[in-house]
C-alpha atoms as a PDB file:
ATOM      1  CA  MET A   1       0.000   0.000   0.000  1.00  0.00           C
ATOM      2  CA  LEU A   2       1.293   3.437  -0.921  1.00  0.00           C
ATOM      3  CA  ASN A   3       2.220   5.729   1.964  1.00  0.00           C
ATOM      4  CA  PHE A   4       1.221   9.286   0.991  1.00  0.00           C
ATOM      5  CA  GLU A   5       3.568  11.003   3.419  1.00  0.00           C
ATOM      6  CA  ILE A   6       6.233  12.597   1.228  1.00  0.00           C
ATOM      7  CA  HIS A   7       9.664  12.179   2.796  1.00  0.00           C
ATOM      8  CA  ASP A   8      12.192  14.983   2.261  1.00  0.00           C
ATOM      9  CA  ALA A   9      15.031  12.866   0.895  1.00  0.00           C
ATOM     10  CA  THR A  10      17.237  15.887   0.176  1.00  0.00           C
ATOM     11  CA  ARG A  11      17.152  16.883   3.836  1.00  0.00           C
ATOM     12  CA  GLU A  12      17.786  13.334   5.042  1.00  0.00           C
ATOM     13  CA  LEU A  13      20.677  12.832   2.604  1.00  0.00           C
ATOM     14  CA  SER A  14      22.208  16.212   3.543  1.00  0.00           C
ATOM     15  CA  ILE A  15      22.220  15.233   7.212  1.00  0.00           C
ATOM     16  CA  ALA A  16      23.682  11.801   6.431  1.00  0.00           C
ATOM     17  CA  ARG A  17      26.404  13.304   4.210  1.00  0.00           C
ATOM     18  CA  ALA A  18      27.431  15.689   6.971  1.00  0.00           C
ATOM     19  CA  LEU A  19      28.421  12.684   9.078  1.00  0.00           C
ATOM     20  CA  LYS A  20      32.029  11.574   8.642  1.00  0.00           C
ATOM     21  CA  LYS A  21      31.084   7.887   8.490  1.00  0.00           C
ATOM     22  CA  TYR A  22      28.732   8.271   5.517  1.00  0.00           C
ATOM     23  CA  GLU A  23      29.626   6.193   2.469  1.00  0.00           C
ATOM     24  CA  PRO A  24      27.465   6.613  -0.637  1.00  0.00           C
ATOM     25  CA  PRO A  25      26.348   3.324  -2.196  1.00  0.00           C
ATOM     26  CA  PHE A  26      27.726   4.390  -5.604  1.00  0.00           C
ATOM     27  CA  LYS A  27      29.789   7.116  -7.240  1.00  0.00           C
ATOM     28  CA  VAL A  28      29.532   8.717 -10.654  1.00  0.00           C
ATOM     29  CA  ILE A  29      32.813   8.806 -12.556  1.00  0.00           C
ATOM     30  CA  ASP A  30      33.340  11.915 -14.735  1.00  0.00           C
ATOM     31  CA  SER A  31      29.758  13.201 -14.398  1.00  0.00           C
ATOM     32  CA  TYR A  32      27.471  12.392 -17.337  1.00  0.00           C
ATOM     33  CA  ARG A  33      27.178  13.106 -21.038  1.00  0.00           C
ATOM     34  CA  LEU A  34      23.966  14.233 -22.669  1.00  0.00           C
ATOM     35  CA  ILE A  35      23.403  14.659 -26.401  1.00  0.00           C
ATOM     36  CA  ASP A  36      20.075  16.263 -27.224  1.00  0.00           C
ATOM     37  CA  ASP A  37      19.315  16.811 -30.892  1.00  0.00           C
ATOM     38  CA  GLY A  38      15.703  17.668 -30.104  1.00  0.00           C
ATOM     39  CA  PHE A  39      14.432  14.294 -31.301  1.00  0.00           C
ATOM     40  CA  ASN A  40      16.193  11.444 -29.527  1.00  0.00           C
ATOM     41  CA  PRO A  41      18.267  12.526 -26.496  1.00  0.00           C
ATOM     42  CA  GLU A  42      21.025  10.146 -25.436  1.00  0.00           C
ATOM     43  CA  ALA A  43      22.689  10.055 -22.018  1.00  0.00           C
ATOM     44  CA  THR A  44      25.805   8.178 -20.915  1.00  0.00           C
ATOM     45  CA  VAL A  45      27.117   7.623 -17.410  1.00  0.00           C
ATOM     46  CA  GLN A  46      29.866   5.710 -15.622  1.00  0.00           C
ATOM     47  CA  ILE A  47      29.103   4.328 -12.161  1.00  0.00           C
ATOM     48  CA  GLU A  48      31.388   2.719  -9.586  1.00  0.00           C
ATOM     49  CA  ALA A  49      30.043   0.676  -6.690  1.00  0.00           C
ATOM     50  CA  ASN A  50      31.680  -2.011  -4.581  1.00  0.00           C
ATOM     51  CA  GLY A  51      34.680  -2.131  -6.914  1.00  0.00           C
ATOM     52  CA  THR A  52      32.530  -2.637 -10.019  1.00  0.00           C
ATOM     53  CA  PHE A  53      32.582  -0.109 -12.855  1.00  0.00           C
ATOM     54  CA  ILE A  54      29.640   0.180 -15.225  1.00  0.00           C
ATOM     55  CA  HIS A  55      29.411   2.372 -18.330  1.00  0.00           C
ATOM     56  CA  GLU A  56      25.948   2.688 -19.898  1.00  0.00           C
ATOM     57  CA  ALA A  57      24.052   4.706 -22.480  1.00  0.00           C
ATOM     58  CA  SER A  58      20.333   5.154 -23.005  1.00  0.00           C
ATOM     59  CA  THR A  59      17.897   7.251 -24.996  1.00  0.00           C
ATOM     60  CA  GLY A  60      14.680   8.816 -23.771  1.00  0.00           C
ATOM     61  CA  ASN A  61      11.639  10.917 -24.591  1.00  0.00           C
ATOM     62  CA  GLY A  62      13.523  13.992 -23.397  1.00  0.00           C
ATOM     63  CA  PRO A  63      16.791  14.763 -21.625  1.00  0.00           C
ATOM     64  CA  VAL A  64      15.462  13.986 -18.127  1.00  0.00           C
ATOM     65  CA  ASP A  65      13.953  10.690 -19.298  1.00  0.00           C
ATOM     66  CA  ALA A  66      17.276   9.741 -20.942  1.00  0.00           C
ATOM     67  CA  LEU A  67      19.160  10.576 -17.722  1.00  0.00           C
ATOM     68  CA  ALA A  68      16.700   8.603 -15.570  1.00  0.00           C
ATOM     69  CA  LYS A  69      16.856   5.598 -17.890  1.00  0.00           C
ATOM     70  CA  VAL A  70      20.649   5.525 -18.085  1.00  0.00           C
ATOM     71  CA  LEU A  71      20.986   5.739 -14.307  1.00  0.00           C
ATOM     72  CA  LYS A  72      18.528   2.905 -13.736  1.00  0.00           C
ATOM     73  CA  LYS A  73      20.219   0.852 -16.464  1.00  0.00           C
ATOM     74  CA  ALA A  74      23.603   1.315 -14.758  1.00  0.00           C
ATOM     75  CA  LEU A  75      22.382   0.874 -11.181  1.00  0.00           C
ATOM     76  CA  ILE A  76      19.879  -2.007 -11.394  1.00  0.00           C
ATOM     77  CA  PRO A  77      22.542  -4.721 -11.958  1.00  0.00           C
ATOM     78  CA  LEU A  78      24.223  -3.578  -8.726  1.00  0.00           C
ATOM     79  CA  PHE A  79      21.101  -2.509  -6.828  1.00  0.00           C
ATOM     80  CA  PRO A  80      18.066  -4.473  -8.070  1.00  0.00           C
ATOM     81  CA  GLU A  81      16.003  -2.950  -5.261  1.00  0.00           C
ATOM     82  CA  ILE A  82      15.533   0.218  -7.348  1.00  0.00           C
ATOM     83  CA  GLU A  83      13.813  -1.540 -10.249  1.00  0.00           C
ATOM     84  CA  ASN A  84      10.374  -0.396  -9.027  1.00  0.00           C
ATOM     85  CA  VAL A  85      11.453   3.190  -8.338  1.00  0.00           C
ATOM     86  CA  ASN A  86       9.604   5.621 -10.597  1.00  0.00           C
ATOM     87  CA  LEU A  87       9.316   9.366 -11.023  1.00  0.00           C
ATOM     88  CA  ILE A  88       5.773  10.553 -10.389  1.00  0.00           C
ATOM     89  CA  ASP A  89       6.292  14.319 -10.662  1.00  0.00           C
ATOM     90  CA  TYR A  90       8.910  16.646 -12.148  1.00  0.00           C
ATOM     91  CA  ARG A  91       9.010  20.405 -11.663  1.00  0.00           C
ATOM     92  CA  ALA A  92      11.486  23.082 -12.625  1.00  0.00           C
ATOM     93  CA  ASN A  93      11.149  26.621 -11.282  1.00  0.00           C
ATOM     94  CA  ILE A  94      13.269  29.617 -12.218  1.00  0.00           C
ATOM     95  CA  LEU A  95      14.373  31.656  -9.223  1.00  0.00           C
ATOM     96  CA  ASP A  96      15.018  35.087 -10.734  1.00  0.00           C
ATOM     97  CA  ALA A  97      12.938  35.884 -13.814  1.00  0.00           C
ATOM     98  CA  LYS A  98      14.892  39.128 -14.342  1.00  0.00           C
ATOM     99  CA  ARG A  99      17.997  37.090 -15.223  1.00  0.00           C
ATOM    100  CA  GLY A 100      16.145  35.240 -17.960  1.00  0.00           C
ATOM    101  CA  THR A 101      17.780  32.060 -19.176  1.00  0.00           C
ATOM    102  CA  SER A 102      20.886  32.600 -17.012  1.00  0.00           C
ATOM    103  CA  THR A 103      18.945  32.288 -13.760  1.00  0.00           C
ATOM    104  CA  ASP A 104      19.231  29.440 -11.288  1.00  0.00           C
ATOM    105  CA  VAL A 105      16.688  26.665 -11.668  1.00  0.00           C
ATOM    106  CA  GLU A 106      15.293  24.572  -8.840  1.00  0.00           C
ATOM    107  CA  VAL A 107      14.364  21.069  -9.958  1.00  0.00           C
ATOM    108  CA  THR A 108      12.130  18.908  -7.767  1.00  0.00           C
ATOM    109  CA  ILE A 109      11.292  15.285  -8.489  1.00  0.00           C
ATOM    110  CA  ILE A 110       8.894  13.132  -6.513  1.00  0.00           C
ATOM    111  CA  PHE A 111       9.691   9.409  -6.551  1.00  0.00           C
ATOM    112  CA  THR A 112       7.872   6.289  -5.424  1.00  0.00           C
ATOM    113  CA  ASP A 113       8.719   2.618  -5.093  1.00  0.00           C
ATOM    114  CA  GLY A 114       5.059   1.676  -4.754  1.00  0.00           C
ATOM    115  CA  GLU A 115       5.286   1.755  -0.957  1.00  0.00           C
ATOM    116  CA  GLU A 116       6.701   5.153  -0.059  1.00  0.00           C
ATOM    117  CA  VAL A 117       6.955   8.568  -1.674  1.00  0.00           C
ATOM    118  CA  TRP A 118       9.933  10.946  -1.417  1.00  0.00           C
ATOM    119  CA  LYS A 119      11.005  14.220  -2.958  1.00  0.00           C
ATOM    120  CA  VAL A 120      14.412  15.469  -3.946  1.00  0.00           C
ATOM    121  CA  TYR A 121      15.426  18.931  -5.098  1.00  0.00           C
ATOM    122  CA  ALA A 122      18.542  20.719  -6.361  1.00  0.00           C
ATOM    123  CA  LEU A 123      19.614  24.109  -7.705  1.00  0.00           C
ATOM    124  CA  SER A 124      21.801  24.908 -10.682  1.00  0.00           C
ATOM    125  CA  GLU A 125      22.108  27.385 -13.534  1.00  0.00           C
ATOM    126  CA  ASN A 126      21.843  24.310 -15.764  1.00  0.00           C
ATOM    127  CA  ILE A 127      18.479  22.519 -15.738  1.00  0.00           C
ATOM    128  CA  ASN A 128      20.049  19.257 -16.929  1.00  0.00           C
ATOM    129  CA  ALA A 129      22.705  19.360 -14.194  1.00  0.00           C
ATOM    130  CA  ALA A 130      20.054  20.016 -11.541  1.00  0.00           C
ATOM    131  CA  SER A 131      17.913  17.206 -12.952  1.00  0.00           C
ATOM    132  CA  PHE A 132      20.864  14.796 -12.911  1.00  0.00           C
ATOM    133  CA  ARG A 133      21.701  15.692  -9.296  1.00  0.00           C
ATOM    134  CA  VAL A 134      18.083  15.124  -8.264  1.00  0.00           C
ATOM    135  CA  LEU A 135      17.940  11.777 -10.067  1.00  0.00           C
ATOM    136  CA  LEU A 136      21.180  10.647  -8.405  1.00  0.00           C
ATOM    137  CA  ASP A 137      19.894  11.616  -4.981  1.00  0.00           C
ATOM    138  CA  GLY A 138      16.511  10.006  -5.574  1.00  0.00           C
ATOM    139  CA  PHE A 139      18.069   6.662  -6.481  1.00  0.00           C
ATOM    140  CA  GLU A 140      20.660   6.911  -3.689  1.00  0.00           C
ATOM    141  CA  TYR A 141      17.881   7.488  -1.164  1.00  0.00           C
ATOM    142  CA  ALA A 142      15.965   4.475  -2.515  1.00  0.00           C
ATOM    143  CA  ILE A 143      19.022   2.225  -2.200  1.00  0.00           C
ATOM    144  CA  LEU A 144      19.743   3.350   1.352  1.00  0.00           C
ATOM    145  CA  LYS A 145      16.081   3.054   2.339  1.00  0.00           C
ATOM    146  CA  LYS A 146      15.751  -0.466   0.943  1.00  0.00           C
ATOM    147  CA  ASN A 147      18.946  -1.530   2.697  1.00  0.00           C
ATOM    148  CA  LYS A 148      17.673  -0.048   5.976  1.00  0.00           C
ATOM    149  CA  LYS A 149      20.510   2.446   6.252  1.00  0.00           C
ATOM    150  CA  LYS A 150      19.765   5.029   8.890  1.00  0.00           C
ATOM    151  CA  PHE A 151      19.825   8.693   8.018  1.00  0.00           C
END
């Protein structure tokens, strides 16, 4: 049954990361690559976890979909517990309309695994970078939650 309380995963991860003993379940090597020709965006990513390196590519219905798909494709072999994690809402808000396209953007994504719901948010001048950060944090939270890691 779906729990409709929305957990603030960004807050919980920020607290956990402030602790010296925190070890993330995976690391991204050299960020990500995104090619968006307006028709068939493609994202690539390299992940390292538990001594295993994975390099994947995926396409999507837009840049955020391509990023979400490539992360799941890279992470599921190492963390099958995230297979049922899905995005249920995506929002991007500009913070200073006077700056136009050079303004910071806040991206918020709400995730669910069918049991719980959590939100993650990030700021950047680059909407794709903010989206990638939010996706990373959303999947990291899901992995930690499923493995009963305390925040």
